[in-house]
Amino acid sequence: MRSEFIIVPLFIAAFFGIFYLYFSTRNKERLALIEKGADASIFMRGKQTTAPIWKVLILNLALLLMGIGLGIFIALIIENYTTFNGAIYPATIFLMAGLGLLIGFNMTKNLEKE
């Protein structure tokens, strides 16, 4: 009986309900601390100066796309010069994309050190 019309709004409501509870609870905790005289700088304790987010996104996206391209290229070579058929394309694409993201993670750590 078209249950997707009931399930999808329930998932959306649960998603927004979780975020609403998280932010409203956090706001109440912070207001209670401020009322007790706590310094407002305690809310900024976890913030550190890091690399700009656009640099991290561009770096990781570039390395992901290079990994996918390299995966397709390697799969084509393997397919032409061996007898492997079938799942060689997804396997090498995911392997090289994961390797690209791993390299991007390490490069991001080096960016944040600078």
PDB file of N, CA and C in Angstrom:
ATOM      1  N   MET A   1       0.817  -1.198   0.000  1.00  0.00           N
ATOM      2  CA  MET A   1       0.000   0.000   0.000  1.00  0.00           C
ATOM      3  C   MET A   1       0.855   1.253   0.000  1.00  0.00           C
ATOM      4  N   ARG A   2       1.794   1.352  -0.904  1.00  0.00           N
ATOM      5  CA  ARG A   2       2.590   2.565  -1.059  1.00  0.00           C
ATOM      6  C   ARG A   2       3.235   2.986   0.257  1.00  0.00           C
ATOM      7  N   SER A   3       3.921   2.061   0.890  1.00  0.00           N
ATOM      8  CA  SER A   3       4.514   2.335   2.191  1.00  0.00           C
ATOM      9  C   SER A   3       5.670   3.326   2.107  1.00  0.00           C
ATOM     10  N   GLU A   4       6.225   3.547   0.892  1.00  0.00           N
ATOM     11  CA  GLU A   4       7.321   4.507   0.785  1.00  0.00           C
ATOM     12  C   GLU A   4       6.872   5.927   1.095  1.00  0.00           C
ATOM     13  N   PHE A   5       5.575   6.194   0.964  1.00  0.00           N
ATOM     14  CA  PHE A   5       5.070   7.523   1.306  1.00  0.00           C
ATOM     15  C   PHE A   5       5.052   7.740   2.817  1.00  0.00           C
ATOM     16  N   ILE A   6       5.144   6.677   3.572  1.00  0.00           N
ATOM     17  CA  ILE A   6       5.192   6.778   5.028  1.00  0.00           C
ATOM     18  C   ILE A   6       6.628   6.670   5.523  1.00  0.00           C
ATOM     19  N   ILE A   7       7.417   5.777   4.927  1.00  0.00           N
ATOM     20  CA  ILE A   7       8.766   5.506   5.413  1.00  0.00           C
ATOM     21  C   ILE A   7       9.712   6.673   5.145  1.00  0.00           C
ATOM     22  N   VAL A   8       9.690   7.241   3.956  1.00  0.00           N
ATOM     23  CA  VAL A   8      10.614   8.326   3.613  1.00  0.00           C
ATOM     24  C   VAL A   8      10.417   9.537   4.518  1.00  0.00           C
ATOM     25  N   PRO A   9       9.181  10.027   4.737  1.00  0.00           N
ATOM     26  CA  PRO A   9       9.041  11.154   5.674  1.00  0.00           C
ATOM     27  C   PRO A   9       9.460  10.813   7.102  1.00  0.00           C
ATOM     28  N   LEU A  10       9.282   9.549   7.524  1.00  0.00           N
ATOM     29  CA  LEU A  10       9.730   9.164   8.857  1.00  0.00           C
ATOM     30  C   LEU A  10      11.245   9.220   8.984  1.00  0.00           C
ATOM     31  N   PHE A  11      11.972   8.775   7.948  1.00  0.00           N
ATOM     32  CA  PHE A  11      13.425   8.871   7.972  1.00  0.00           C
ATOM     33  C   PHE A  11      13.884  10.325   7.994  1.00  0.00           C
ATOM     34  N   ILE A  12      13.245  11.155   7.195  1.00  0.00           N
ATOM     35  CA  ILE A  12      13.602  12.576   7.170  1.00  0.00           C
ATOM     36  C   ILE A  12      13.314  13.212   8.522  1.00  0.00           C
ATOM     37  N   ALA A  13      12.175  12.899   9.123  1.00  0.00           N
ATOM     38  CA  ALA A  13      11.831  13.454  10.430  1.00  0.00           C
ATOM     39  C   ALA A  13      12.802  12.972  11.501  1.00  0.00           C
ATOM     40  N   ALA A  14      13.214  11.721  11.440  1.00  0.00           N
ATOM     41  CA  ALA A  14      14.176  11.204  12.420  1.00  0.00           C
ATOM     42  C   ALA A  14      15.528  11.890  12.264  1.00  0.00           C
ATOM     43  N   PHE A  15      15.950  12.110  11.042  1.00  0.00           N
ATOM     44  CA  PHE A  15      17.211  12.786  10.774  1.00  0.00           C
ATOM     45  C   PHE A  15      17.207  14.203  11.346  1.00  0.00           C
ATOM     46  N   PHE A  16      16.184  14.963  11.033  1.00  0.00           N
ATOM     47  CA  PHE A  16      16.111  16.328  11.544  1.00  0.00           C
ATOM     48  C   PHE A  16      15.849  16.361  13.044  1.00  0.00           C
ATOM     49  N   GLY A  17      15.146  15.386  13.574  1.00  0.00           N
ATOM     50  CA  GLY A  17      14.918  15.315  15.011  1.00  0.00           C
ATOM     51  C   GLY A  17      16.206  15.106  15.784  1.00  0.00           C
ATOM     52  N   ILE A  18      17.076  14.269  15.261  1.00  0.00           N
ATOM     53  CA  ILE A  18      18.369  14.039  15.915  1.00  0.00           C
ATOM     54  C   ILE A  18      19.188  15.319  15.937  1.00  0.00           C
ATOM     55  N   PHE A  19      19.245  16.021  14.807  1.00  0.00           N
ATOM     56  CA  PHE A  19      19.994  17.275  14.772  1.00  0.00           C
ATOM     57  C   PHE A  19      19.380  18.327  15.681  1.00  0.00           C
ATOM     58  N   TYR A  20      18.057  18.401  15.725  1.00  0.00           N
ATOM     59  CA  TYR A  20      17.402  19.370  16.594  1.00  0.00           C
ATOM     60  C   TYR A  20      17.732  19.100  18.056  1.00  0.00           C
ATOM     61  N   LEU A  21      17.655  17.841  18.464  1.00  0.00           N
ATOM     62  CA  LEU A  21      17.978  17.500  19.847  1.00  0.00           C
ATOM     63  C   LEU A  21      19.443  17.796  20.170  1.00  0.00           C
ATOM     64  N   TYR A  22      20.324  17.502  19.253  1.00  0.00           N
ATOM     65  CA  TYR A  22      21.747  17.750  19.485  1.00  0.00           C
ATOM     66  C   TYR A  22      22.018  19.245  19.698  1.00  0.00           C
ATOM     67  N   PHE A  23      21.522  20.072  18.786  1.00  0.00           N
ATOM     68  CA  PHE A  23      21.803  21.501  18.879  1.00  0.00           C
ATOM     69  C   PHE A  23      21.057  22.169  20.025  1.00  0.00           C
ATOM     70  N   SER A  24      19.829  21.756  20.304  1.00  0.00           N
ATOM     71  CA  SER A  24      19.107  22.384  21.411  1.00  0.00           C
ATOM     72  C   SER A  24      19.727  22.003  22.761  1.00  0.00           C
ATOM     73  N   THR A  25      20.171  20.768  22.901  1.00  0.00           N
ATOM     74  CA  THR A  25      20.823  20.341  24.140  1.00  0.00           C
ATOM     75  C   THR A  25      22.154  21.056  24.325  1.00  0.00           C
ATOM     76  N   ARG A  26      22.909  21.175  23.263  1.00  0.00           N
ATOM     77  CA  ARG A  26      24.186  21.876  23.339  1.00  0.00           C
ATOM     78  C   ARG A  26      23.983  23.338  23.729  1.00  0.00           C
ATOM     79  N   ASN A  27      22.968  23.959  23.170  1.00  0.00           N
ATOM     80  CA  ASN A  27      22.677  25.351  23.493  1.00  0.00           C
ATOM     81  C   ASN A  27      22.287  25.497  24.969  1.00  0.00           C
ATOM     82  N   LYS A  28      21.457  24.597  25.476  1.00  0.00           N
ATOM     83  CA  LYS A  28      21.048  24.660  26.883  1.00  0.00           C
ATOM     84  C   LYS A  28      22.236  24.459  27.818  1.00  0.00           C
ATOM     85  N   GLU A  29      23.132  23.533  27.478  1.00  0.00           N
ATOM     86  CA  GLU A  29      24.318  23.309  28.307  1.00  0.00           C
ATOM     87  C   GLU A  29      25.208  24.538  28.336  1.00  0.00           C
ATOM     88  N   ARG A  30      25.386  25.153  27.188  1.00  0.00           N
ATOM     89  CA  ARG A  30      26.230  26.345  27.137  1.00  0.00           C
ATOM     90  C   ARG A  30      25.607  27.508  27.903  1.00  0.00           C
ATOM     91  N   LEU A  31      24.306  27.687  27.796  1.00  0.00           N
ATOM     92  CA  LEU A  31      23.643  28.754  28.543  1.00  0.00           C
ATOM     93  C   LEU A  31      23.755  28.518  30.049  1.00  0.00           C
ATOM     94  N   ALA A  32      23.633  27.268  30.483  1.00  0.00           N
ATOM     95  CA  ALA A  32      23.762  26.960  31.906  1.00  0.00           C
ATOM     96  C   ALA A  32      25.176  27.251  32.394  1.00  0.00           C
ATOM     97  N   LEU A  33      26.186  26.936  31.608  1.00  0.00           N
ATOM     98  CA  LEU A  33      27.560  27.226  32.001  1.00  0.00           C
ATOM     99  C   LEU A  33      27.813  28.730  32.073  1.00  0.00           C
ATOM    100  N   ILE A  34      27.277  29.463  31.131  1.00  0.00           N
ATOM    101  CA  ILE A  34      27.461  30.911  31.136  1.00  0.00           C
ATOM    102  C   ILE A  34      26.761  31.534  32.335  1.00  0.00           C
ATOM    103  N   GLU A  35      25.575  31.017  32.676  1.00  0.00           N
ATOM    104  CA  GLU A  35      24.857  31.542  33.835  1.00  0.00           C
ATOM    105  C   GLU A  35      25.618  31.296  35.132  1.00  0.00           C
ATOM    106  N   LYS A  36      26.369  30.195  35.184  1.00  0.00           N
ATOM    107  CA  LYS A  36      27.163  29.902  36.382  1.00  0.00           C
ATOM    108  C   LYS A  36      28.462  30.687  36.413  1.00  0.00           C
ATOM    109  N   GLY A  37      28.751  31.434  35.361  1.00  0.00           N
ATOM    110  CA  GLY A  37      29.937  32.285  35.344  1.00  0.00           C
ATOM    111  C   GLY A  37      31.135  31.684  34.663  1.00  0.00           C
ATOM    112  N   ALA A  38      30.965  30.610  33.913  1.00  0.00           N
ATOM    113  CA  ALA A  38      32.093  30.000  33.203  1.00  0.00           C
ATOM    114  C   ALA A  38      32.505  30.905  32.048  1.00  0.00           C
ATOM    115  N   ASP A  39      33.784  30.877  31.728  1.00  0.00           N
ATOM    116  CA  ASP A  39      34.302  31.688  30.643  1.00  0.00           C
ATOM    117  C   ASP A  39      33.839  31.107  29.307  1.00  0.00           C
ATOM    118  N   ALA A  40      33.470  31.951  28.366  1.00  0.00           N
ATOM    119  CA  ALA A  40      32.952  31.497  27.072  1.00  0.00           C
ATOM    120  C   ALA A  40      34.043  30.902  26.198  1.00  0.00           C
ATOM    121  N   SER A  41      35.310  31.097  26.562  1.00  0.00           N
ATOM    122  CA  SER A  41      36.395  30.571  25.735  1.00  0.00           C
ATOM    123  C   SER A  41      36.490  29.046  25.823  1.00  0.00           C
ATOM    124  N   ILE A  42      35.830  28.422  26.782  1.00  0.00           N
ATOM    125  CA  ILE A  42      35.891  26.958  26.878  1.00  0.00           C
ATOM    126  C   ILE A  42      35.197  26.291  25.700  1.00  0.00           C
ATOM    127  N   PHE A  43      34.306  27.009  25.022  1.00  0.00           N
ATOM    128  CA  PHE A  43      33.620  26.432  23.862  1.00  0.00           C
ATOM    129  C   PHE A  43      34.516  26.404  22.636  1.00  0.00           C
ATOM    130  N   MET A  44      35.588  27.174  22.645  1.00  0.00           N
ATOM    131  CA  MET A  44      36.484  27.249  21.498  1.00  0.00           C
ATOM    132  C   MET A  44      37.755  26.437  21.723  1.00  0.00           C
ATOM    133  N   ARG A  45      37.817  25.648  22.765  1.00  0.00           N
ATOM    134  CA  ARG A  45      39.025  24.906  23.127  1.00  0.00           C
ATOM    135  C   ARG A  45      39.437  23.923  22.041  1.00  0.00           C
ATOM    136  N   GLY A  46      38.506  23.243  21.422  1.00  0.00           N
ATOM    137  CA  GLY A  46      38.830  22.225  20.428  1.00  0.00           C
ATOM    138  C   GLY A  46      39.208  22.795  19.082  1.00  0.00           C
ATOM    139  N   LYS A  47      39.005  24.074  18.857  1.00  0.00           N
ATOM    140  CA  LYS A  47      39.304  24.680  17.566  1.00  0.00           C
ATOM    141  C   LYS A  47      40.799  24.932  17.450  1.00  0.00           C
ATOM    142  N   GLN A  48      41.396  24.400  16.396  1.00  0.00           N
ATOM    143  CA  GLN A  48      42.799  24.617  16.130  1.00  0.00           C
ATOM    144  C   GLN A  48      42.924  25.230  14.753  1.00  0.00           C
ATOM    145  N   THR A  49      44.009  25.902  14.533  1.00  0.00           N
ATOM    146  CA  THR A  49      44.228  26.440  13.202  1.00  0.00           C
ATOM    147  C   THR A  49      44.643  25.291  12.292  1.00  0.00           C
ATOM    148  N   THR A  50      43.869  25.056  11.265  1.00  0.00           N
ATOM    149  CA  THR A  50      44.143  23.973  10.331  1.00  0.00           C
ATOM    150  C   THR A  50      44.178  24.539   8.920  1.00  0.00           C
ATOM    151  N   ALA A  51      44.478  23.679   7.986  1.00  0.00           N
ATOM    152  CA  ALA A  51      44.484  24.084   6.586  1.00  0.00           C
ATOM    153  C   ALA A  51      43.060  24.427   6.166  1.00  0.00           C
ATOM    154  N   PRO A  52      42.913  25.381   5.261  1.00  0.00           N
ATOM    155  CA  PRO A  52      41.562  25.720   4.793  1.00  0.00           C
ATOM    156  C   PRO A  52      40.878  24.504   4.176  1.00  0.00           C
ATOM    157  N   ILE A  53      39.575  24.430   4.387  1.00  0.00           N
ATOM    158  CA  ILE A  53      38.821  23.251   3.947  1.00  0.00           C
ATOM    159  C   ILE A  53      38.839  23.103   2.433  1.00  0.00           C
ATOM    160  N   TRP A  54      38.901  24.209   1.708  1.00  0.00           N
ATOM    161  CA  TRP A  54      38.898  24.102   0.248  1.00  0.00           C
ATOM    162  C   TRP A  54      40.178  23.451  -0.254  1.00  0.00           C
ATOM    163  N   LYS A  55      41.303  23.679   0.432  1.00  0.00           N
ATOM    164  CA  LYS A  55      42.546  23.027   0.018  1.00  0.00           C
ATOM    165  C   LYS A  55      42.470  21.522   0.239  1.00  0.00           C
ATOM    166  N   VAL A  56      41.906  21.134   1.358  1.00  0.00           N
ATOM    167  CA  VAL A  56      41.786  19.713   1.680  1.00  0.00           C
ATOM    168  C   VAL A  56      40.835  19.027   0.695  1.00  0.00           C
ATOM    169  N   LEU A  57      39.698  19.662   0.384  1.00  0.00           N
ATOM    170  CA  LEU A  57      38.740  19.069  -0.550  1.00  0.00           C
ATOM    171  C   LEU A  57      39.319  18.940  -1.952  1.00  0.00           C
ATOM    172  N   ILE A  58      39.988  19.984  -2.421  1.00  0.00           N
ATOM    173  CA  ILE A  58      40.558  19.931  -3.762  1.00  0.00           C
ATOM    174  C   ILE A  58      41.648  18.865  -3.841  1.00  0.00           C
ATOM    175  N   LEU A  59      42.495  18.801  -2.818  1.00  0.00           N
ATOM    176  CA  LEU A  59      43.557  17.799  -2.800  1.00  0.00           C
ATOM    177  C   LEU A  59      42.991  16.385  -2.818  1.00  0.00           C
ATOM    178  N   ASN A  60      42.026  16.114  -1.947  1.00  0.00           N
ATOM    179  CA  ASN A  60      41.454  14.763  -1.887  1.00  0.00           C
ATOM    180  C   ASN A  60      40.655  14.419  -3.134  1.00  0.00           C
ATOM    181  N   LEU A  61      39.915  15.393  -3.689  1.00  0.00           N
ATOM    182  CA  LEU A  61      39.155  15.131  -4.914  1.00  0.00           C
ATOM    183  C   LEU A  61      40.086  14.856  -6.082  1.00  0.00           C
ATOM    184  N   ALA A  62      41.165  15.636  -6.184  1.00  0.00           N
ATOM    185  CA  ALA A  62      42.124  15.423  -7.273  1.00  0.00           C
ATOM    186  C   ALA A  62      42.764  14.044  -7.173  1.00  0.00           C
ATOM    187  N   LEU A  63      43.179  13.671  -5.975  1.00  0.00           N
ATOM    188  CA  LEU A  63      43.807  12.360  -5.815  1.00  0.00           C
ATOM    189  C   LEU A  63      42.814  11.218  -6.020  1.00  0.00           C
ATOM    190  N   LEU A  64      41.551  11.420  -5.630  1.00  0.00           N
ATOM    191  CA  LEU A  64      40.524  10.401  -5.873  1.00  0.00           C
ATOM    192  C   LEU A  64      40.306  10.207  -7.364  1.00  0.00           C
ATOM    193  N   LEU A  65      40.166  11.300  -8.105  1.00  0.00           N
ATOM    194  CA  LEU A  65      39.939  11.189  -9.547  1.00  0.00           C
ATOM    195  C   LEU A  65      41.160  10.604 -10.269  1.00  0.00           C
ATOM    196  N   MET A  66      42.365  10.970  -9.820  1.00  0.00           N
ATOM    197  CA  MET A  66      43.563  10.370 -10.412  1.00  0.00           C
ATOM    198  C   MET A  66      43.618   8.876 -10.113  1.00  0.00           C
ATOM    199  N   GLY A  67      43.195   8.487  -8.915  1.00  0.00           N
ATOM    200  CA  GLY A  67      43.165   7.070  -8.562  1.00  0.00           C
ATOM    201  C   GLY A  67      42.163   6.302  -9.405  1.00  0.00           C
ATOM    202  N   ILE A  68      41.005   6.894  -9.662  1.00  0.00           N
ATOM    203  CA  ILE A  68      40.000   6.238 -10.508  1.00  0.00           C
ATOM    204  C   ILE A  68      40.526   6.093 -11.932  1.00  0.00           C
ATOM    205  N   GLY A  69      41.132   7.155 -12.454  1.00  0.00           N
ATOM    206  CA  GLY A  69      41.709   7.073 -13.806  1.00  0.00           C
ATOM    207  C   GLY A  69      42.807   6.045 -13.902  1.00  0.00           C
ATOM    208  N   LEU A  70      43.675   5.997 -12.907  1.00  0.00           N
ATOM    209  CA  LEU A  70      44.745   5.005 -12.890  1.00  0.00           C
ATOM    210  C   LEU A  70      44.174   3.594 -12.765  1.00  0.00           C
ATOM    211  N   GLY A  71      43.104   3.444 -11.991  1.00  0.00           N
ATOM    212  CA  GLY A  71      42.462   2.143 -11.856  1.00  0.00           C
ATOM    213  C   GLY A  71      41.882   1.649 -13.169  1.00  0.00           C
ATOM    214  N   ILE A  72      41.254   2.544 -13.916  1.00  0.00           N
ATOM    215  CA  ILE A  72      40.707   2.158 -15.230  1.00  0.00           C
ATOM    216  C   ILE A  72      41.839   1.775 -16.173  1.00  0.00           C
ATOM    217  N   PHE A  73      42.916   2.565 -16.153  1.00  0.00           N
ATOM    218  CA  PHE A  73      44.068   2.289 -17.020  1.00  0.00           C
ATOM    219  C   PHE A  73      44.708   0.941 -16.695  1.00  0.00           C
ATOM    220  N   ILE A  74      44.919   0.668 -15.433  1.00  0.00           N
ATOM    221  CA  ILE A  74      45.522  -0.606 -15.024  1.00  0.00           C
ATOM    222  C   ILE A  74      44.589  -1.773 -15.355  1.00  0.00           C
ATOM    223  N   ALA A  75      43.281  -1.589 -15.162  1.00  0.00           N
ATOM    224  CA  ALA A  75      42.330  -2.654 -15.502  1.00  0.00           C
ATOM    225  C   ALA A  75      42.342  -2.938 -16.992  1.00  0.00           C
ATOM    226  N   LEU A  76      42.465  -1.909 -17.802  1.00  0.00           N
ATOM    227  CA  LEU A  76      42.533  -2.100 -19.252  1.00  0.00           C
ATOM    228  C   LEU A  76      43.783  -2.878 -19.639  1.00  0.00           C
ATOM    229  N   ILE A  77      44.895  -2.539 -19.026  1.00  0.00           N
ATOM    230  CA  ILE A  77      46.141  -3.263 -19.309  1.00  0.00           C
ATOM    231  C   ILE A  77      46.027  -4.720 -18.863  1.00  0.00           C
ATOM    232  N   ILE A  78      45.494  -4.953 -17.678  1.00  0.00           N
ATOM    233  CA  ILE A  78      45.346  -6.321 -17.169  1.00  0.00           C
ATOM    234  C   ILE A  78      44.407  -7.125 -18.065  1.00  0.00           C
ATOM    235  N   GLU A  79      43.323  -6.487 -18.510  1.00  0.00           N
ATOM    236  CA  GLU A  79      42.362  -7.200 -19.358  1.00  0.00           C
ATOM    237  C   GLU A  79      42.964  -7.564 -20.713  1.00  0.00           C
ATOM    238  N   ASN A  80      43.784  -6.683 -21.267  1.00  0.00           N
ATOM    239  CA  ASN A  80      44.348  -6.942 -22.591  1.00  0.00           C
ATOM    240  C   ASN A  80      45.477  -7.958 -22.565  1.00  0.00           C
ATOM    241  N   TYR A  81      46.263  -7.991 -21.502  1.00  0.00           N
ATOM    242  CA  TYR A  81      47.455  -8.829 -21.491  1.00  0.00           C
ATOM    243  C   TYR A  81      47.333 -10.090 -20.645  1.00  0.00           C
ATOM    244  N   THR A  82      46.192 -10.303 -20.010  1.00  0.00           N
ATOM    245  CA  THR A  82      45.980 -11.530 -19.240  1.00  0.00           C
ATOM    246  C   THR A  82      44.631 -12.119 -19.620  1.00  0.00           C
ATOM    247  N   THR A  83      44.284 -13.210 -18.962  1.00  0.00           N
ATOM    248  CA  THR A  83      43.000 -13.850 -19.240  1.00  0.00           C
ATOM    249  C   THR A  83      41.939 -13.490 -18.209  1.00  0.00           C
ATOM    250  N   PHE A  84      42.249 -12.515 -17.331  1.00  0.00           N
ATOM    251  CA  PHE A  84      41.257 -12.086 -16.346  1.00  0.00           C
ATOM    252  C   PHE A  84      40.116 -11.354 -17.047  1.00  0.00           C
ATOM    253  N   ASN A  85      38.900 -11.702 -16.680  1.00  0.00           N
ATOM    254  CA  ASN A  85      37.723 -11.010 -17.187  1.00  0.00           C
ATOM    255  C   ASN A  85      36.756 -10.802 -16.034  1.00  0.00           C
ATOM    256  N   GLY A  86      35.799  -9.963 -16.228  1.00  0.00           N
ATOM    257  CA  GLY A  86      34.750  -9.825 -15.215  1.00  0.00           C
ATOM    258  C   GLY A  86      34.973  -8.667 -14.274  1.00  0.00           C
ATOM    259  N   ALA A  87      35.299  -8.981 -13.043  1.00  0.00           N
ATOM    260  CA  ALA A  87      35.309  -7.977 -11.979  1.00  0.00           C
ATOM    261  C   ALA A  87      36.647  -7.265 -11.844  1.00  0.00           C
ATOM    262  N   ILE A  88      37.473  -7.282 -12.868  1.00  0.00           N
ATOM    263  CA  ILE A  88      38.776  -6.630 -12.756  1.00  0.00           C
ATOM    264  C   ILE A  88      38.633  -5.109 -12.740  1.00  0.00           C
ATOM    265  N   TYR A  89      37.668  -4.566 -13.469  1.00  0.00           N
ATOM    266  CA  TYR A  89      37.490  -3.108 -13.495  1.00  0.00           C
ATOM    267  C   TYR A  89      37.070  -2.547 -12.135  1.00  0.00           C
ATOM    268  N   PRO A  90      35.992  -3.035 -11.521  1.00  0.00           N
ATOM    269  CA  PRO A  90      35.644  -2.472 -10.209  1.00  0.00           C
ATOM    270  C   PRO A  90      36.729  -2.701  -9.162  1.00  0.00           C
ATOM    271  N   ALA A  91      37.392  -3.850  -9.214  1.00  0.00           N
ATOM    272  CA  ALA A  91      38.412  -4.145  -8.215  1.00  0.00           C
ATOM    273  C   ALA A  91      39.566  -3.154  -8.303  1.00  0.00           C
ATOM    274  N   THR A  92      40.082  -2.919  -9.488  1.00  0.00           N
ATOM    275  CA  THR A  92      41.219  -2.006  -9.610  1.00  0.00           C
ATOM    276  C   THR A  92      40.798  -0.553  -9.412  1.00  0.00           C
ATOM    277  N   ILE A  93      39.595  -0.195  -9.826  1.00  0.00           N
ATOM    278  CA  ILE A  93      39.127   1.174  -9.612  1.00  0.00           C
ATOM    279  C   ILE A  93      39.011   1.464  -8.117  1.00  0.00           C
ATOM    280  N   PHE A  94      38.385   0.566  -7.367  1.00  0.00           N
ATOM    281  CA  PHE A  94      38.253   0.783  -5.925  1.00  0.00           C
ATOM    282  C   PHE A  94      39.610   0.736  -5.223  1.00  0.00           C
ATOM    283  N   LEU A  95      40.485  -0.152  -5.670  1.00  0.00           N
ATOM    284  CA  LEU A  95      41.803  -0.243  -5.057  1.00  0.00           C
ATOM    285  C   LEU A  95      42.597   1.044  -5.269  1.00  0.00           C
ATOM    286  N   MET A  96      42.617   1.541  -6.486  1.00  0.00           N
ATOM    287  CA  MET A  96      43.387   2.753  -6.782  1.00  0.00           C
ATOM    288  C   MET A  96      42.731   4.000  -6.182  1.00  0.00           C
ATOM    289  N   ALA A  97      41.395   4.030  -6.138  1.00  0.00           N
ATOM    290  CA  ALA A  97      40.713   5.168  -5.510  1.00  0.00           C
ATOM    291  C   ALA A  97      41.000   5.190  -4.014  1.00  0.00           C
ATOM    292  N   GLY A  98      40.991   4.036  -3.380  1.00  0.00           N
ATOM    293  CA  GLY A  98      41.322   3.965  -1.964  1.00  0.00           C
ATOM    294  C   GLY A  98      42.767   4.348  -1.702  1.00  0.00           C
ATOM    295  N   LEU A  99      43.667   3.932  -2.577  1.00  0.00           N
ATOM    296  CA  LEU A  99      45.068   4.311  -2.452  1.00  0.00           C
ATOM    297  C   LEU A  99      45.235   5.821  -2.612  1.00  0.00           C
ATOM    298  N   GLY A 100      44.489   6.412  -3.554  1.00  0.00           N
ATOM    299  CA  GLY A 100      44.536   7.862  -3.735  1.00  0.00           C
ATOM    300  C   GLY A 100      44.030   8.598  -2.514  1.00  0.00           C
ATOM    301  N   LEU A 101      42.958   8.105  -1.896  1.00  0.00           N
ATOM    302  CA  LEU A 101      42.440   8.746  -0.681  1.00  0.00           C
ATOM    303  C   LEU A 101      43.396   8.577   0.494  1.00  0.00           C
ATOM    304  N   LEU A 102      44.073   7.447   0.568  1.00  0.00           N
ATOM    305  CA  LEU A 102      45.064   7.245   1.623  1.00  0.00           C
ATOM    306  C   LEU A 102      46.226   8.220   1.464  1.00  0.00           C
ATOM    307  N   ILE A 103      46.693   8.393   0.249  1.00  0.00           N
ATOM    308  CA  ILE A 103      47.755   9.371  -0.012  1.00  0.00           C
ATOM    309  C   ILE A 103      47.254  10.779   0.305  1.00  0.00           C
ATOM    310  N   GLY A 104      45.993  11.071  -0.055  1.00  0.00           N
ATOM    311  CA  GLY A 104      45.419  12.379   0.260  1.00  0.00           C
ATOM    312  C   GLY A 104      45.330  12.622   1.750  1.00  0.00           C
ATOM    313  N   PHE A 105      45.017  11.588   2.518  1.00  0.00           N
ATOM    314  CA  PHE A 105      44.963  11.724   3.971  1.00  0.00           C
ATOM    315  C   PHE A 105      46.333  12.075   4.526  1.00  0.00           C
ATOM    316  N   ASN A 106      47.354  11.379   4.046  1.00  0.00           N
ATOM    317  CA  ASN A 106      48.709  11.667   4.515  1.00  0.00           C
ATOM    318  C   ASN A 106      49.168  13.061   4.097  1.00  0.00           C
ATOM    319  N   MET A 107      48.817  13.484   2.898  1.00  0.00           N
ATOM    320  CA  MET A 107      49.187  14.821   2.445  1.00  0.00           C
ATOM    321  C   MET A 107      48.427  15.886   3.229  1.00  0.00           C
ATOM    322  N   THR A 108      47.193  15.611   3.634  1.00  0.00           N
ATOM    323  CA  THR A 108      46.428  16.543   4.429  1.00  0.00           C
ATOM    324  C   THR A 108      47.056  16.711   5.813  1.00  0.00           C
ATOM    325  N   LYS A 109      47.538  15.619   6.385  1.00  0.00           N
ATOM    326  CA  LYS A 109      48.228  15.720   7.681  1.00  0.00           C
ATOM    327  C   LYS A 109      49.458  16.610   7.547  1.00  0.00           C
ATOM    328  N   ASN A 110      50.188  16.492   6.442  1.00  0.00           N
ATOM    329  CA  ASN A 110      51.356  17.332   6.240  1.00  0.00           C
ATOM    330  C   ASN A 110      50.962  18.796   6.024  1.00  0.00           C
ATOM    331  N   LEU A 111      49.821  19.039   5.371  1.00  0.00           N
ATOM    332  CA  LEU A 111      49.327  20.408   5.183  1.00  0.00           C
ATOM    333  C   LEU A 111      48.999  21.053   6.521  1.00  0.00           C
ATOM    334  N   GLU A 112      48.421  20.287   7.434  1.00  0.00           N
ATOM    335  CA  GLU A 112      48.025  20.832   8.719  1.00  0.00           C
ATOM    336  C   GLU A 112      49.230  21.103   9.613  1.00  0.00           C
ATOM    337  N   LYS A 113      50.332  20.390   9.387  1.00  0.00           N
ATOM    338  CA  LYS A 113      51.538  20.631  10.181  1.00  0.00           C
ATOM    339  C   LYS A 113      52.180  21.967   9.821  1.00  0.00           C
ATOM    340  N   GLU A 114      52.016  22.380   8.555  1.00  0.00           N
ATOM    341  CA  GLU A 114      52.647  23.620   8.095  1.00  0.00           C
ATOM    342  C   GLU A 114      51.994  24.854   8.659  1.00  0.00           C
TER     343      GLU A 114
END
